[in-house]
Protein backbone atom coordinates (compact mmCIF):
# COMPACT_ATOMS: atom_id res chain seq x y z
CA MET A 1 103.55 96.90 113.85
CA LYS A 2 102.23 96.99 110.12
CA ARG A 3 103.96 93.81 109.50
CA THR A 4 102.45 92.23 112.49
CA PHE A 5 99.14 93.04 111.61
CA ASP A 6 99.25 92.22 107.93
CA LEU A 7 100.36 88.62 109.40
CA LEU A 8 97.74 88.18 111.63
CA LEU A 9 94.85 89.21 109.51
CA SER A 10 95.73 87.65 106.80
CA LEU A 11 96.54 84.10 108.79
CA PHE A 12 92.82 85.06 110.05
CA LEU A 13 91.17 86.04 106.60
CA LEU A 14 93.07 82.45 104.88
CA PHE A 15 91.29 80.46 107.89
CA THR A 16 87.77 82.21 107.87
CA PHE A 17 87.62 81.86 104.15
CA SER A 18 88.98 78.42 103.30
CA PRO A 19 85.90 76.84 102.47
CA ILE A 20 85.03 79.94 100.36
CA LEU A 21 88.84 79.43 98.70
CA LEU A 22 88.02 75.65 98.57
CA ILE A 23 84.72 76.25 96.60
CA VAL A 24 86.33 78.90 94.55
CA ALA A 25 89.23 76.60 93.56
CA VAL A 26 86.60 73.84 92.55
CA LEU A 27 84.83 76.10 90.36
CA VAL A 28 87.91 77.45 88.49
CA LYS A 29 89.02 73.93 87.57
CA VAL A 30 85.45 72.77 86.48
CA LYS A 31 84.48 76.19 84.24
CA LEU A 32 88.41 77.28 83.56
CA GLY A 33 90.29 73.92 83.94
CA SER A 34 93.89 73.72 85.18
CA PRO A 35 95.91 75.36 86.30
CA ILE A 36 93.64 76.33 88.94
CA LEU A 37 96.20 79.67 90.26
CA PHE A 38 97.63 82.20 87.90
CA VAL A 39 101.11 82.48 88.74
CA GLN A 40 103.32 85.68 87.46
CA ASP A 41 106.47 87.51 88.73
CA ARG A 42 105.90 91.21 89.80
CA PRO A 43 108.06 93.43 91.31
CA GLY A 44 107.73 93.87 95.33
CA LYS A 45 109.61 96.28 97.42
CA GLN A 46 112.38 98.02 95.85
CA GLY A 47 112.08 96.11 92.76
CA ALA A 48 112.26 92.46 94.08
CA ILE A 49 110.86 89.92 91.83
CA PHE A 50 108.75 87.85 93.23
CA LYS A 51 105.25 85.38 92.21
CA MET A 52 101.81 86.64 93.05
CA ALA A 53 99.55 84.45 92.45
CA LYS A 54 95.31 84.77 92.14
CA PHE A 55 92.52 82.69 91.21
CA ARG A 56 92.75 82.37 87.41
CA THR A 57 89.88 84.25 85.62
CA MET A 58 90.22 83.60 81.91
CA LEU A 59 90.74 80.81 79.52
CA ASP A 60 93.33 79.63 77.76
CA ALA A 61 92.50 80.39 74.12
CA PHE A 62 94.72 80.56 71.33
CA ASP A 63 94.17 82.01 67.37
CA GLU A 64 95.30 79.54 64.38
CA SER A 65 98.60 80.86 64.45
CA GLY A 66 99.13 80.13 67.95
CA SER A 67 98.91 83.35 69.83
CA PRO A 68 96.48 84.08 73.08
CA LEU A 69 93.24 85.53 71.70
CA PRO A 70 92.38 89.05 73.29
CA ASP A 71 91.56 89.28 76.77
CA ASN A 72 87.76 89.99 75.90
CA MET A 73 87.32 86.58 74.15
CA ARG A 74 89.12 84.79 77.22
CA LEU A 75 87.42 86.50 80.05
CA THR A 76 84.37 84.77 80.92
CA SER A 77 81.33 85.61 82.81
CA PHE A 78 82.36 83.24 86.03
CA GLY A 79 85.93 84.91 85.75
CA ALA A 80 84.23 88.40 85.55
CA LEU A 81 82.22 87.47 88.70
CA LEU A 82 85.34 86.77 90.30
CA ARG A 83 86.85 89.77 89.44
CA SER A 84 84.12 92.11 90.30
CA THR A 85 83.94 90.57 93.72
CA SER A 86 87.71 90.60 94.58
CA LEU A 87 87.76 86.90 95.14
CA ASP A 88 90.57 86.12 92.14
CA GLU A 89 92.57 88.09 95.16
CA LEU A 90 91.90 86.10 97.97
CA PRO A 91 95.35 83.37 97.40
CA GLY A 92 97.43 86.92 97.67
CA LEU A 93 96.92 86.39 101.10
CA ILE A 94 99.32 83.51 101.09
CA ASN A 95 102.03 85.90 99.64
CA VAL A 96 101.12 88.50 102.54
CA VAL A 97 102.18 85.73 104.71
CA LYS A 98 105.32 84.82 102.98
CA GLY A 99 106.68 88.38 103.34
CA ASP A 100 106.31 89.54 99.49
CA MET A 101 103.09 91.58 100.08
CA SER A 102 101.26 93.78 102.93
CA LEU A 103 97.82 93.82 102.63
CA VAL A 104 98.02 97.87 101.90
CA GLY A 105 100.30 98.95 99.50
CA PRO A 106 100.08 100.30 95.82
CA ARG A 107 99.30 97.44 93.72
CA PRO A 108 102.03 95.13 92.19
CA LEU A 109 102.06 95.41 88.23
CA LEU A 110 104.02 94.09 85.59
CA VAL A 111 108.08 93.56 85.54
CA GLU A 112 107.68 95.05 82.11
CA TYR A 113 106.73 98.50 83.51
CA LEU A 114 109.68 99.03 85.41
CA PRO A 115 111.78 100.82 82.95
CA LEU A 116 109.14 102.97 81.82
CA TYR A 117 108.32 104.76 85.28
CA SER A 118 109.84 108.01 85.99
CA ASP A 119 111.94 108.98 89.17
CA GLU A 120 108.86 110.18 91.18
CA GLN A 121 106.89 107.06 90.18
CA ALA A 122 109.02 104.60 91.19
CA ARG A 123 108.94 105.55 94.27
CA ARG A 124 105.82 103.95 94.30
CA HIS A 125 108.38 100.43 95.18
CA ASN A 126 109.49 102.09 98.71
CA VAL A 127 107.31 100.01 100.22
CA ARG A 128 105.72 96.09 99.92
CA PRO A 129 103.16 96.25 97.52
CA GLY A 130 99.57 95.54 98.66
CA ILE A 131 96.28 93.28 98.16
CA THR A 132 94.54 96.63 97.98
CA GLY A 133 95.59 100.30 98.00
CA TRP A 134 95.03 104.48 97.94
CA ALA A 135 94.06 104.40 94.27
CA GLN A 136 91.99 100.94 94.84
CA VAL A 137 89.92 102.90 96.82
CA ASN A 138 89.87 106.27 94.85
CA GLY A 139 88.92 104.73 91.29
CA ARG A 140 90.77 101.87 90.92
CA ASN A 141 90.97 101.06 87.05
CA ALA A 142 88.88 103.72 86.02
CA LEU A 143 92.16 106.07 86.64
CA SER A 144 94.63 107.22 84.32
CA TRP A 145 97.87 105.54 84.78
CA GLU A 146 99.27 109.18 86.31
CA ASP A 147 96.98 109.77 88.22
CA LYS A 148 97.32 106.01 89.66
CA PHE A 149 100.89 106.47 90.32
CA LYS A 150 100.08 109.89 92.10
CA LEU A 151 97.94 108.46 94.42
CA ASP A 152 100.62 105.56 94.88
CA VAL A 153 102.93 107.69 95.93
CA TRP A 154 100.90 110.16 97.94
CA TYR A 155 100.79 106.57 99.75
CA VAL A 156 104.15 106.04 100.49
CA ASP A 157 104.74 109.50 101.80
CA ASN A 158 101.41 109.63 104.64
CA LYS A 159 101.49 105.70 105.15
CA SER A 160 100.12 105.02 108.66
CA PHE A 161 98.25 102.56 110.42
CA LEU A 162 95.09 104.47 110.87
CA LEU A 163 95.57 105.35 106.98
CA ASP A 164 95.86 101.31 106.37
CA LEU A 165 92.57 101.05 108.10
CA LYS A 166 90.43 103.48 106.61
CA ILE A 167 91.84 102.05 102.74
CA LEU A 168 90.94 98.09 104.24
CA LEU A 169 87.25 99.48 105.29
CA LEU A 170 86.88 101.50 102.09
CA THR A 171 88.00 98.43 100.20
CA VAL A 172 84.95 96.40 101.49
CA LYS A 173 82.77 99.23 100.41
CA LYS A 174 84.41 98.81 96.83
CA VAL A 175 84.12 95.33 96.71
CA PHE A 176 80.13 95.71 97.10
CA VAL A 177 79.59 98.43 94.79
CA ARG A 178 81.60 96.77 92.66
CA GLU A 179 83.45 100.29 91.48
CA GLY A 180 86.58 100.86 89.12
CA ILE A 181 86.66 96.96 87.92
CA ASN A 182 87.84 97.61 84.49
CA ALA A 183 89.59 100.49 82.57
CA HIS A 184 87.28 102.27 79.72
CA GLY A 185 87.42 99.97 76.69
CA HIS A 186 89.37 97.00 78.13
CA VAL A 187 88.02 93.85 80.24
CA THR A 188 91.39 94.43 82.35
CA ASN A 189 93.45 97.85 82.27
CA GLU A 190 94.85 99.61 79.50
CA PRO A 191 98.44 98.81 79.21
CA PHE A 192 100.94 101.39 80.70
CA LYS A 193 103.45 102.66 77.94
CA GLY A 194 105.45 105.08 80.31
CA SER A 195 105.47 108.45 80.85
CA ASN A 196 106.44 111.72 79.80
CA ASN A 197 106.35 113.55 83.40
CA ASP A 198 109.95 113.27 85.38
């Protein structure tokens, strides 16, 4: 039922928002250049790696040695707007249609974090990752990593169709309120460096 719901709603949203997708794609091309999409390997269900797509929100900018500039120097006001409205996440609907992701589930994080999880935290990979999730509607990037993972695992243990509907409705509210977009002191999220908790 979850997969059928994901597929039907994602196809509906892609069709409904296709004009917005086109407009955002053009604006990204004009304001940030190519490529329009930011594509990165992320771990999915059971840690299987897939390529997640988002609209890019940062400039390609490098220092004299050729290293990328810090995120706060590459994130433009336009990119920040895409993030605060979650418009950058719309291409993720394609990942949902393909079956890499679900509409609701723990957010897919970086592949390099895989060996850093405790056994309990790693249970977040027992389900498909989501475009939104229980942690996203309960603090998003304003949460500590430990709190975020506890919420992810709670979702794994309590997932249901009604809970997914609740999370989707709360997500719409969060998008309008624009809460918890950035971690304190960071334009995105502070890197996860592992946990001492088992």
